[in-house]
PDB file of N, CA and C in Angstrom:
ATOM      1  N   UNK A   1      27.010-256.239-152.708  1.00  0.00           N
ATOM      2  CA  UNK A   1      26.646-257.587-152.338  1.00  0.00           C
ATOM      3  C   UNK A   1      27.601-258.563-153.018  1.00  0.00           C
ATOM      4  N   UNK A   2      27.846-259.644-152.335  1.00  0.00           N
ATOM      5  CA  UNK A   2      28.739-260.652-152.871  1.00  0.00           C
ATOM      6  C   UNK A   2      27.914-261.876-153.254  1.00  0.00           C
ATOM      7  N   UNK A   3      27.911-262.193-154.541  1.00  0.00           N
ATOM      8  CA  UNK A   3      27.237-263.383-155.039  1.00  0.00           C
ATOM      9  C   UNK A   3      28.187-264.097-155.978  1.00  0.00           C
ATOM     10  N   UNK A   4      28.381-265.386-155.753  1.00  0.00           N
ATOM     11  CA  UNK A   4      29.227-266.190-156.622  1.00  0.00           C
ATOM     12  C   UNK A   4      28.384-267.279-157.273  1.00  0.00           C
ATOM     13  N   UNK A   5      29.011-268.043-158.122  1.00  0.00           N
ATOM     14  CA  UNK A   5      28.308-269.127-158.806  1.00  0.00           C
ATOM     15  C   UNK A   5      28.266-270.366-157.932  1.00  0.00           C
ATOM     16  N   UNK A   6      27.162-271.066-158.013  1.00  0.00           N
ATOM     17  CA  UNK A   6      27.025-272.355-157.347  1.00  0.00           C
ATOM     18  C   UNK A   6      27.468-273.405-158.345  1.00  0.00           C
ATOM     19  N   UNK A   7      28.501-274.143-158.009  1.00  0.00           N
ATOM     20  CA  UNK A   7      29.059-275.108-158.944  1.00  0.00           C
ATOM     21  C   UNK A   7      29.068-276.486-158.316  1.00  0.00           C
ATOM     22  N   UNK A   8      28.918-277.483-159.142  1.00  0.00           N
ATOM     23  CA  UNK A   8      28.948-278.864-158.680  1.00  0.00           C
ATOM     24  C   UNK A   8      27.553-279.430-158.538  1.00  0.00           C
ATOM     25  N   UNK A   9      27.338-280.552-159.174  1.00  0.00           N
ATOM     26  CA  UNK A   9      26.033-281.199-159.153  1.00  0.00           C
ATOM     27  C   UNK A   9      25.597-281.547-157.732  1.00  0.00           C
ATOM     28  N   UNK A  10      26.529-281.921-156.874  1.00  0.00           N
ATOM     29  CA  UNK A  10      26.179-282.294-155.507  1.00  0.00           C
ATOM     30  C   UNK A  10      25.657-281.104-154.714  1.00  0.00           C
ATOM     31  N   UNK A  11      26.124-279.890-155.025  1.00  0.00           N
ATOM     32  CA  UNK A  11      25.617-278.703-154.332  1.00  0.00           C
ATOM     33  C   UNK A  11      24.198-278.359-154.796  1.00  0.00           C
ATOM     34  N   UNK A  12      23.954-278.510-156.093  1.00  0.00           N
ATOM     35  CA  UNK A  12      22.593-278.307-156.598  1.00  0.00           C
ATOM     36  C   UNK A  12      21.651-279.318-155.944  1.00  0.00           C
ATOM     37  N   UNK A  13      22.078-280.575-155.882  1.00  0.00           N
ATOM     38  CA  UNK A  13      21.248-281.627-155.288  1.00  0.00           C
ATOM     39  C   UNK A  13      20.969-281.345-153.813  1.00  0.00           C
ATOM     40  N   UNK A  14      21.964-280.825-153.099  1.00  0.00           N
ATOM     41  CA  UNK A  14      21.762-280.480-151.690  1.00  0.00           C
ATOM     42  C   UNK A  14      20.703-279.394-151.535  1.00  0.00           C
ATOM     43  N   UNK A  15      20.703-278.413-152.427  1.00  0.00           N
ATOM     44  CA  UNK A  15      19.703-277.339-152.364  1.00  0.00           C
ATOM     45  C   UNK A  15      18.322-277.891-152.701  1.00  0.00           C
ATOM     46  N   UNK A  16      18.241-278.743-153.731  1.00  0.00           N
ATOM     47  CA  UNK A  16      16.953-279.332-154.097  1.00  0.00           C
ATOM     48  C   UNK A  16      16.387-280.186-152.966  1.00  0.00           C
ATOM     49  N   UNK A  17      17.240-280.995-152.354  1.00  0.00           N
ATOM     50  CA  UNK A  17      16.780-281.949-151.332  1.00  0.00           C
ATOM     51  C   UNK A  17      16.548-281.304-149.974  1.00  0.00           C
ATOM     52  N   UNK A  18      17.428-280.405-149.556  1.00  0.00           N
ATOM     53  CA  UNK A  18      17.355-279.882-148.198  1.00  0.00           C
ATOM     54  C   UNK A  18      16.798-278.486-148.069  1.00  0.00           C
ATOM     55  N   UNK A  19      16.559-277.823-149.192  1.00  0.00           N
ATOM     56  CA  UNK A  19      16.133-276.434-149.137  1.00  0.00           C
ATOM     57  C   UNK A  19      14.636-276.251-149.209  1.00  0.00           C
ATOM     58  N   UNK A  20      14.234-275.001-149.213  1.00  0.00           N
ATOM     59  CA  UNK A  20      12.830-274.628-149.353  1.00  0.00           C
ATOM     60  C   UNK A  20      12.624-274.092-150.766  1.00  0.00           C
ATOM     61  N   UNK A  21      11.384-274.173-151.250  1.00  0.00           N
ATOM     62  CA  UNK A  21      11.127-273.721-152.609  1.00  0.00           C
ATOM     63  C   UNK A  21       9.844-272.908-152.678  1.00  0.00           C
ATOM     64  N   UNK A  22       9.791-272.074-153.698  1.00  0.00           N
ATOM     65  CA  UNK A  22       8.590-271.303-154.010  1.00  0.00           C
ATOM     66  C   UNK A  22       8.491-271.252-155.523  1.00  0.00           C
ATOM     67  N   UNK A  23       7.296-271.465-156.046  1.00  0.00           N
ATOM     68  CA  UNK A  23       7.097-271.541-157.491  1.00  0.00           C
ATOM     69  C   UNK A  23       6.342-270.326-157.988  1.00  0.00           C
ATOM     70  N   UNK A  24       6.723-269.883-159.155  1.00  0.00           N
ATOM     71  CA  UNK A  24       6.049-268.782-159.824  1.00  0.00           C
ATOM     72  C   UNK A  24       5.744-269.166-161.258  1.00  0.00           C
ATOM     73  N   UNK A  25       5.299-268.210-162.029  1.00  0.00           N
ATOM     74  CA  UNK A  25       4.945-268.465-163.422  1.00  0.00           C
ATOM     75  C   UNK A  25       6.177-268.763-164.268  1.00  0.00           C
ATOM     76  N   UNK A  26       7.274-268.061-164.021  1.00  0.00           N
ATOM     77  CA  UNK A  26       8.444-268.152-164.871  1.00  0.00           C
ATOM     78  C   UNK A  26       9.538-269.081-164.353  1.00  0.00           C
ATOM     79  N   UNK A  27       9.611-269.276-163.057  1.00  0.00           N
ATOM     80  CA  UNK A  27      10.656-270.137-162.510  1.00  0.00           C
ATOM     81  C   UNK A  27      10.299-270.606-161.111  1.00  0.00           C
ATOM     82  N   UNK A  28      11.076-271.570-160.632  1.00  0.00           N
ATOM     83  CA  UNK A  28      10.967-272.070-159.260  1.00  0.00           C
ATOM     84  C   UNK A  28      12.250-271.663-158.552  1.00  0.00           C
ATOM     85  N   UNK A  29      12.110-271.111-157.358  1.00  0.00           N
ATOM     86  CA  UNK A  29      13.247-270.627-156.583  1.00  0.00           C
ATOM     87  C   UNK A  29      13.485-271.576-155.413  1.00  0.00           C
ATOM     88  N   UNK A  30      14.684-272.147-155.327  1.00  0.00           N
ATOM     89  CA  UNK A  30      15.084-273.023-154.232  1.00  0.00           C
ATOM     90  C   UNK A  30      16.151-272.309-153.414  1.00  0.00           C
ATOM     91  N   UNK A  31      16.061-272.375-152.096  1.00  0.00           N
ATOM     92  CA  UNK A  31      17.073-271.750-151.240  1.00  0.00           C
ATOM     93  C   UNK A  31      17.466-272.684-150.102  1.00  0.00           C
ATOM     94  N   UNK A  32      18.722-272.574-149.704  1.00  0.00           N
ATOM     95  CA  UNK A  32      19.252-273.331-148.579  1.00  0.00           C
ATOM     96  C   UNK A  32      20.302-272.474-147.908  1.00  0.00           C
ATOM     97  N   UNK A  33      20.237-272.380-146.590  1.00  0.00           N
ATOM     98  CA  UNK A  33      21.212-271.599-145.824  1.00  0.00           C
ATOM     99  C   UNK A  33      22.586-272.256-145.961  1.00  0.00           C
ATOM    100  N   UNK A  34      23.611-271.429-146.203  1.00  0.00           N
ATOM    101  CA  UNK A  34      24.979-271.954-146.243  1.00  0.00           C
ATOM    102  C   UNK A  34      25.781-271.377-145.081  1.00  0.00           C
ATOM    103  N   UNK A  35      27.015-271.792-144.939  1.00  0.00           N
ATOM    104  CA  UNK A  35      27.826-271.366-143.798  1.00  0.00           C
ATOM    105  C   UNK A  35      28.764-270.208-144.152  1.00  0.00           C
ATOM    106  N   UNK A  36      28.516-269.553-145.281  1.00  0.00           N
ATOM    107  CA  UNK A  36      29.358-268.447-145.717  1.00  0.00           C
ATOM    108  C   UNK A  36      28.598-267.138-145.575  1.00  0.00           C
ATOM    109  N   UNK A  37      29.306-266.052-145.709  1.00  0.00           N
ATOM    110  CA  UNK A  37      28.669-264.733-145.646  1.00  0.00           C
ATOM    111  C   UNK A  37      28.451-264.187-147.057  1.00  0.00           C
ATOM    112  N   UNK A  38      28.056-265.069-147.963  1.00  0.00           N
ATOM    113  CA  UNK A  38      27.790-264.677-149.337  1.00  0.00           C
ATOM    114  C   UNK A  38      26.734-265.597-149.925  1.00  0.00           C
ATOM    115  N   UNK A  39      26.105-265.109-150.975  1.00  0.00           N
ATOM    116  CA  UNK A  39      25.123-265.922-151.682  1.00  0.00           C
ATOM    117  C   UNK A  39      25.798-266.617-152.847  1.00  0.00           C
ATOM    118  N   UNK A  40      25.344-267.836-153.127  1.00  0.00           N
ATOM    119  CA  UNK A  40      25.812-268.565-154.298  1.00  0.00           C
ATOM    120  C   UNK A  40      24.593-268.846-155.165  1.00  0.00           C
ATOM    121  N   UNK A  41      24.676-268.466-156.433  1.00  0.00           N
ATOM    122  CA  UNK A  41      23.551-268.580-157.351  1.00  0.00           C
ATOM    123  C   UNK A  41      23.822-269.644-158.396  1.00  0.00           C
ATOM    124  N   UNK A  42      22.834-270.523-158.585  1.00  0.00           N
ATOM    125  CA  UNK A  42      22.875-271.519-159.651  1.00  0.00           C
ATOM    126  C   UNK A  42      21.604-271.412-160.475  1.00  0.00           C
ATOM    127  N   UNK A  43      21.744-271.549-161.784  1.00  0.00           N
ATOM    128  CA  UNK A  43      20.603-271.443-162.682  1.00  0.00           C
ATOM    129  C   UNK A  43      20.505-272.725-163.488  1.00  0.00           C
ATOM    130  N   UNK A  44      19.312-273.305-163.522  1.00  0.00           N
ATOM    131  CA  UNK A  44      19.073-274.520-164.275  1.00  0.00           C
ATOM    132  C   UNK A  44      18.046-274.237-165.365  1.00  0.00           C
ATOM    133  N   UNK A  45      18.436-274.529-166.609  1.00  0.00           N
ATOM    134  CA  UNK A  45      17.542-274.363-167.751  1.00  0.00           C
ATOM    135  C   UNK A  45      17.600-275.666-168.539  1.00  0.00           C
ATOM    136  N   UNK A  46      16.499-276.411-168.549  1.00  0.00           N
ATOM    137  CA  UNK A  46      16.488-277.727-169.183  1.00  0.00           C
ATOM    138  C   UNK A  46      16.262-277.623-170.690  1.00  0.00           C
ATOM    139  N   UNK A  47      16.450-278.724-171.384  1.00  0.00           N
ATOM    140  CA  UNK A  47      16.263-278.767-172.833  1.00  0.00           C
ATOM    141  C   UNK A  47      14.806-278.615-173.236  1.00  0.00           C
ATOM    142  N   UNK A  48      13.896-278.750-172.282  1.00  0.00           N
ATOM    143  CA  UNK A  48      12.477-278.521-172.573  1.00  0.00           C
ATOM    144  C   UNK A  48      12.221-277.066-172.958  1.00  0.00           C
ATOM    145  N   UNK A  49      13.105-276.180-172.531  1.00  0.00           N
ATOM    146  CA  UNK A  49      12.955-274.753-172.795  1.00  0.00           C
ATOM    147  C   UNK A  49      13.184-274.451-174.279  1.00  0.00           C
ATOM    148  N   UNK A  50      14.153-275.106-174.895  1.00  0.00           N
ATOM    149  CA  UNK A  50      14.434-274.848-176.306  1.00  0.00           C
ATOM    150  C   UNK A  50      15.874-275.182-176.651  1.00  0.00           C
ATOM    151  N   UNK A  51      16.314-274.684-177.810  1.00  0.00           N
ATOM    152  CA  UNK A  51      17.676-274.954-178.253  1.00  0.00           C
ATOM    153  C   UNK A  51      18.671-274.151-177.402  1.00  0.00           C
ATOM    154  N   UNK A  52      19.946-274.356-177.662  1.00  0.00           N
ATOM    155  CA  UNK A  52      20.994-273.747-176.845  1.00  0.00           C
ATOM    156  C   UNK A  52      20.931-272.222-176.853  1.00  0.00           C
ATOM    157  N   UNK A  53      20.601-271.637-177.977  1.00  0.00           N
ATOM    158  CA  UNK A  53      20.524-270.180-178.070  1.00  0.00           C
ATOM    159  C   UNK A  53      19.436-269.647-177.141  1.00  0.00           C
ATOM    160  N   UNK A  54      18.296-270.297-177.142  1.00  0.00           N
ATOM    161  CA  UNK A  54      17.174-269.885-176.295  1.00  0.00           C
ATOM    162  C   UNK A  54      17.519-270.098-174.833  1.00  0.00           C
ATOM    163  N   UNK A  55      18.106-271.237-174.496  1.00  0.00           N
ATOM    164  CA  UNK A  55      18.469-271.528-173.098  1.00  0.00           C
ATOM    165  C   UNK A  55      19.471-270.507-172.566  1.00  0.00           C
ATOM    166  N   UNK A  56      20.458-270.144-173.390  1.00  0.00           N
ATOM    167  CA  UNK A  56      21.449-269.164-172.948  1.00  0.00           C
ATOM    168  C   UNK A  56      20.838-267.787-172.773  1.00  0.00           C
ATOM    169  N   UNK A  57      19.888-267.416-173.617  1.00  0.00           N
ATOM    170  CA  UNK A  57      19.220-266.126-173.450  1.00  0.00           C
ATOM    171  C   UNK A  57      18.408-266.105-172.163  1.00  0.00           C
ATOM    172  N   UNK A  58      17.720-267.206-171.873  1.00  0.00           N
ATOM    173  CA  UNK A  58      16.956-267.314-170.627  1.00  0.00           C
ATOM    174  C   UNK A  58      17.897-267.184-169.435  1.00  0.00           C
ATOM    175  N   UNK A  59      19.030-267.837-169.501  1.00  0.00           N
ATOM    176  CA  UNK A  59      20.020-267.778-168.429  1.00  0.00           C
ATOM    177  C   UNK A  59      20.528-266.348-168.220  1.00  0.00           C
ATOM    178  N   UNK A  60      20.803-265.639-169.302  1.00  0.00           N
ATOM    179  CA  UNK A  60      21.287-264.259-169.205  1.00  0.00           C
ATOM    180  C   UNK A  60      20.233-263.333-168.602  1.00  0.00           C
ATOM    181  N   UNK A  61      18.975-263.519-168.989  1.00  0.00           N
ATOM    182  CA  UNK A  61      17.899-262.681-168.444  1.00  0.00           C
ATOM    183  C   UNK A  61      17.742-262.940-166.943  1.00  0.00           C
ATOM    184  N   UNK A  62      17.819-264.195-166.530  1.00  0.00           N
ATOM    185  CA  UNK A  62      17.700-264.529-165.104  1.00  0.00           C
ATOM    186  C   UNK A  62      18.860-263.915-164.319  1.00  0.00           C
ATOM    187  N   UNK A  63      20.080-264.026-164.844  1.00  0.00           N
ATOM    188  CA  UNK A  63      21.243-263.448-164.153  1.00  0.00           C
ATOM    189  C   UNK A  63      21.101-261.938-163.973  1.00  0.00           C
ATOM    190  N   UNK A  64      20.660-261.273-165.013  1.00  0.00           N
ATOM    191  CA  UNK A  64      20.502-259.822-164.931  1.00  0.00           C
ATOM    192  C   UNK A  64      19.388-259.445-163.959  1.00  0.00           C
ATOM    193  N   UNK A  65      18.286-260.190-163.988  1.00  0.00           N
ATOM    194  CA  UNK A  65      17.199-259.934-163.042  1.00  0.00           C
ATOM    195  C   UNK A  65      17.649-260.121-161.609  1.00  0.00           C
ATOM    196  N   UNK A  66      18.447-261.162-161.360  1.00  0.00           N
ATOM    197  CA  UNK A  66      18.965-261.382-160.015  1.00  0.00           C
ATOM    198  C   UNK A  66      19.922-260.269-159.614  1.00  0.00           C
ATOM    199  N   UNK A  67      20.754-259.828-160.553  1.00  0.00           N
ATOM    200  CA  UNK A  67      21.715-258.763-160.256  1.00  0.00           C
ATOM    201  C   UNK A  67      21.007-257.482-159.841  1.00  0.00           C
ATOM    202  N   UNK A  68      19.876-257.201-160.478  1.00  0.00           N
ATOM    203  CA  UNK A  68      19.148-255.981-160.163  1.00  0.00           C
ATOM    204  C   UNK A  68      18.466-256.030-158.799  1.00  0.00           C
ATOM    205  N   UNK A  69      18.102-257.229-158.324  1.00  0.00           N
ATOM    206  CA  UNK A  69      17.410-257.299-157.020  1.00  0.00           C
ATOM    207  C   UNK A  69      18.241-257.924-155.907  1.00  0.00           C
ATOM    208  N   UNK A  70      19.491-258.236-156.154  1.00  0.00           N
ATOM    209  CA  UNK A  70      20.253-258.932-155.118  1.00  0.00           C
ATOM    210  C   UNK A  70      20.514-258.077-153.880  1.00  0.00           C
ATOM    211  N   UNK A  71      20.413-256.756-153.985  1.00  0.00           N
ATOM    212  CA  UNK A  71      20.612-255.909-152.808  1.00  0.00           C
ATOM    213  C   UNK A  71      19.476-256.097-151.793  1.00  0.00           C
ATOM    214  N   UNK A  72      18.354-256.679-152.215  1.00  0.00           N
ATOM    215  CA  UNK A  72      17.237-256.943-151.300  1.00  0.00           C
ATOM    216  C   UNK A  72      17.380-258.262-150.551  1.00  0.00           C
ATOM    217  N   UNK A  73      18.360-259.077-150.915  1.00  0.00           N
ATOM    218  CA  UNK A  73      18.499-260.409-150.347  1.00  0.00           C
ATOM    219  C   UNK A  73      19.454-260.413-149.164  1.00  0.00           C
ATOM    220  N   UNK A  74      19.128-261.192-148.156  1.00  0.00           N
ATOM    221  CA  UNK A  74      20.047-261.409-147.044  1.00  0.00           C
ATOM    222  C   UNK A  74      21.203-262.277-147.535  1.00  0.00           C
ATOM    223  N   UNK A  75      22.334-262.197-146.864  1.00  0.00           N
ATOM    224  CA  UNK A  75      23.509-262.964-147.262  1.00  0.00           C
ATOM    225  C   UNK A  75      23.531-264.327-146.572  1.00  0.00           C
ATOM    226  N   UNK A  76      24.212-265.282-147.201  1.00  0.00           N
ATOM    227  CA  UNK A  76      24.410-266.589-146.588  1.00  0.00           C
ATOM    228  C   UNK A  76      23.465-267.664-147.094  1.00  0.00           C
ATOM    229  N   UNK A  77      23.092-267.608-148.380  1.00  0.00           N
ATOM    230  CA  UNK A  77      22.170-268.594-148.927  1.00  0.00           C
ATOM    231  C   UNK A  77      22.707-269.158-150.238  1.00  0.00           C
ATOM    232  N   UNK A  78      22.410-270.443-150.471  1.00  0.00           N
ATOM    233  CA  UNK A  78      22.587-271.043-151.782  1.00  0.00           C
ATOM    234  C   UNK A  78      21.239-270.931-152.477  1.00  0.00           C
ATOM    235  N   UNK A  79      21.222-270.347-153.667  1.00  0.00           N
ATOM    236  CA  UNK A  79      19.990-270.085-154.391  1.00  0.00           C
ATOM    237  C   UNK A  79      20.070-270.780-155.740  1.00  0.00           C
ATOM    238  N   UNK A  80      19.042-271.563-156.066  1.00  0.00           N
ATOM    239  CA  UNK A  80      18.955-272.196-157.375  1.00  0.00           C
ATOM    240  C   UNK A  80      17.654-271.744-158.019  1.00  0.00           C
ATOM    241  N   UNK A  81      17.758-271.284-159.254  1.00  0.00           N
ATOM    242  CA  UNK A  81      16.591-270.858-160.022  1.00  0.00           C
ATOM    243  C   UNK A  81      16.396-271.854-161.158  1.00  0.00           C
ATOM    244  N   UNK A  82      15.234-272.504-161.174  1.00  0.00           N
ATOM    245  CA  UNK A  82      14.883-273.478-162.195  1.00  0.00           C
ATOM    246  C   UNK A  82      13.888-272.831-163.148  1.00  0.00           C
ATOM    247  N   UNK A  83      14.308-272.611-164.390  1.00  0.00           N
ATOM    248  CA  UNK A  83      13.472-271.916-165.370  1.00  0.00           C
ATOM    249  C   UNK A  83      12.334-272.816-165.844  1.00  0.00           C
ATOM    250  N   UNK A  84      11.186-272.212-166.085  1.00  0.00           N
ATOM    251  CA  UNK A  84      10.023-272.906-166.634  1.00  0.00           C
ATOM    252  C   UNK A  84       9.852-272.505-168.105  1.00  0.00           C
ATOM    253  N   UNK A  85       9.125-273.311-168.876  1.00  0.00           N
ATOM    254  CA  UNK A  85       8.944-272.991-170.301  1.00  0.00           C
ATOM    255  C   UNK A  85       8.301-271.633-170.561  1.00  0.00           C
ATOM    256  N   UNK A  86       7.525-271.105-169.647  1.00  0.00           N
ATOM    257  CA  UNK A  86       6.913-269.784-169.824  1.00  0.00           C
ATOM    258  C   UNK A  86       7.960-268.673-169.865  1.00  0.00           C
ATOM    259  N   UNK A  87       9.170-268.980-169.472  1.00  0.00           N
ATOM    260  CA  UNK A  87      10.254-268.006-169.430  1.00  0.00           C
ATOM    261  C   UNK A  87      10.706-267.572-170.825  1.00  0.00           C
ATOM    262  N   UNK A  88      10.461-268.407-171.826  1.00  0.00           N
ATOM    263  CA  UNK A  88      10.894-268.098-173.191  1.00  0.00           C
ATOM    264  C   UNK A  88      10.168-266.848-173.686  1.00  0.00           C
ATOM    265  N   UNK A  89      10.925-265.882-174.154  1.00  0.00           N
ATOM    266  CA  UNK A  89      10.355-264.663-174.706  1.00  0.00           C
ATOM    267  C   UNK A  89       9.999-263.596-173.691  1.00  0.00           C
ATOM    268  N   UNK A  90      10.287-263.818-172.425  1.00  0.00           N
ATOM    269  CA  UNK A  90       9.977-262.794-171.429  1.00  0.00           C
ATOM    270  C   UNK A  90      11.052-261.716-171.428  1.00  0.00           C
ATOM    271  N   UNK A  91      10.700-260.597-170.863  1.00  0.00           N
ATOM    272  CA  UNK A  91      11.645-259.491-170.748  1.00  0.00           C
ATOM    273  C   UNK A  91      11.995-259.293-169.283  1.00  0.00           C
ATOM    274  N   UNK A  92      13.008-258.499-169.063  1.00  0.00           N
ATOM    275  CA  UNK A  92      13.530-258.291-167.713  1.00  0.00           C
ATOM    276  C   UNK A  92      12.483-257.720-166.766  1.00  0.00           C
ATOM    277  N   UNK A  93      11.601-256.878-167.267  1.00  0.00           N
ATOM    278  CA  UNK A  93      10.580-256.265-166.413  1.00  0.00           C
ATOM    279  C   UNK A  93       9.585-257.281-165.862  1.00  0.00           C
ATOM    280  N   UNK A  94       9.471-258.446-166.486  1.00  0.00           N
ATOM    281  CA  UNK A  94       8.598-259.497-165.969  1.00  0.00           C
ATOM    282  C   UNK A  94       9.288-260.316-164.880  1.00  0.00           C
ATOM    283  N   UNK A  95      10.601-260.389-164.947  1.00  0.00           N
ATOM    284  CA  UNK A  95      11.365-261.276-164.069  1.00  0.00           C
ATOM    285  C   UNK A  95      11.572-260.690-162.676  1.00  0.00           C
ATOM    286  N   UNK A  96      11.982-259.435-162.601  1.00  0.00           N
ATOM    287  CA  UNK A  96      12.361-258.857-161.316  1.00  0.00           C
ATOM    288  C   UNK A  96      11.223-258.826-160.291  1.00  0.00           C
ATOM    289  N   UNK A  97       9.976-258.488-160.660  1.00  0.00           N
ATOM    290  CA  UNK A  97       8.928-258.518-159.628  1.00  0.00           C
ATOM    291  C   UNK A  97       8.666-259.926-159.099  1.00  0.00           C
ATOM    292  N   UNK A  98       8.712-260.916-159.989  1.00  0.00           N
ATOM    293  CA  UNK A  98       8.472-262.287-159.537  1.00  0.00           C
ATOM    294  C   UNK A  98       9.605-262.778-158.651  1.00  0.00           C
ATOM    295  N   UNK A  99      10.836-262.435-158.998  1.00  0.00           N
ATOM    296  CA  UNK A  99      11.977-262.828-158.174  1.00  0.00           C
ATOM    297  C   UNK A  99      11.881-262.212-156.785  1.00  0.00           C
ATOM    298  N   UNK A 100      11.513-260.958-156.711  1.00  0.00           N
ATOM    299  CA  UNK A 100      11.351-260.279-155.427  1.00  0.00           C
ATOM    300  C   UNK A 100      10.208-260.891-154.623  1.00  0.00           C
ATOM    301  N   UNK A 101       9.102-261.213-155.300  1.00  0.00           N
ATOM    302  CA  UNK A 101       7.941-261.803-154.627  1.00  0.00           C
ATOM    303  C   UNK A 101       8.278-263.176-154.047  1.00  0.00           C
ATOM    304  N   UNK A 102       8.971-264.009-154.817  1.00  0.00           N
ATOM    305  CA  UNK A 102       9.330-265.345-154.330  1.00  0.00           C
ATOM    306  C   UNK A 102      10.360-265.265-153.208  1.00  0.00           C
ATOM    307  N   UNK A 103      11.285-264.319-153.293  1.00  0.00           N
ATOM    308  CA  UNK A 103      12.274-264.147-152.223  1.00  0.00           C
ATOM    309  C   UNK A 103      11.604-263.716-150.932  1.00  0.00           C
ATOM    310  N   UNK A 104      10.620-262.845-151.036  1.00  0.00           N
ATOM    311  CA  UNK A 104       9.867-262.426-149.849  1.00  0.00           C
ATOM    312  C   UNK A 104       9.091-263.593-149.270  1.00  0.00           C
ATOM    313  N   UNK A 105       8.510-264.397-150.125  1.00  0.00           N
ATOM    314  CA  UNK A 105       7.761-265.575-149.679  1.00  0.00           C
ATOM    315  C   UNK A 105       8.650-266.546-148.913  1.00  0.00           C
ATOM    316  N   UNK A 106       9.914-266.664-149.347  1.00  0.00           N
ATOM    317  CA  UNK A 106      10.864-267.555-148.681  1.00  0.00           C
ATOM    318  C   UNK A 106      11.640-266.859-147.559  1.00  0.00           C
ATOM    319  N   UNK A 107      11.271-265.637-147.248  1.00  0.00           N
ATOM    320  CA  UNK A 107      11.887-264.848-146.179  1.00  0.00           C
ATOM    321  C   UNK A 107      13.384-264.646-146.427  1.00  0.00           C
ATOM    322  N   UNK A 108      13.727-264.274-147.662  1.00  0.00           N
ATOM    323  CA  UNK A 108      15.109-263.982-148.015  1.00  0.00           C
ATOM    324  C   UNK A 108      15.419-262.504-147.955  1.00  0.00           C
ATOM    325  N   UNK A 109      14.455-261.698-147.569  1.00  0.00           N
ATOM    326  CA  UNK A 109      14.675-260.257-147.516  1.00  0.00           C
ATOM    327  C   UNK A 109      15.816-259.912-146.594  1.00  0.00           C
ATOM    328  N   UNK A 110      16.489-258.809-146.889  1.00  0.00           N
ATOM    329  CA  UNK A 110      17.638-258.423-146.067  1.00  0.00           C
ATOM    330  C   UNK A 110      17.183-258.070-144.655  1.00  0.00           C
ATOM    331  N   UNK A 111      18.029-258.383-143.741  1.00  0.00           N
ATOM    332  CA  UNK A 111      17.705-258.224-142.320  1.00  0.00           C
ATOM    333  C   UNK A 111      18.071-256.849-141.845  1.00  0.00           C
TER     334      UNK A 111
END
C-alpha cells in the first residue's frame, strides 16, 4: 500500500471542512476523497495531550497502528487522525481495533 504524509495546513483544513468524521475513545478520524491513487495520512496531537515527549509518543503509536491496518483501507483518501487525551498511555493493541472500526464506519474498507 502507498501512504504518504499529508502536509500543509490548508490540506488539513480541507479534510476537516469537507470530509466525513467518526469519533472513538482514543481519536477522531477524518477522511476526504482525493484525486490520487494513494492515501495521505496526517496526525494532529494538541498540547492538551501533554508535553512534547508524550505528544511524540502518541504520534508514533498512531503511525504504527495505521501501518498495521493500512492494507484494509481503500486507496485515494486524505486521512487525518486527531488524538484525544485518552490516548496517553495506551498501547498498540488498543489502537488497531478502534482504527479498523472507525474506518469501517466511514466505509474506507478496501474494495
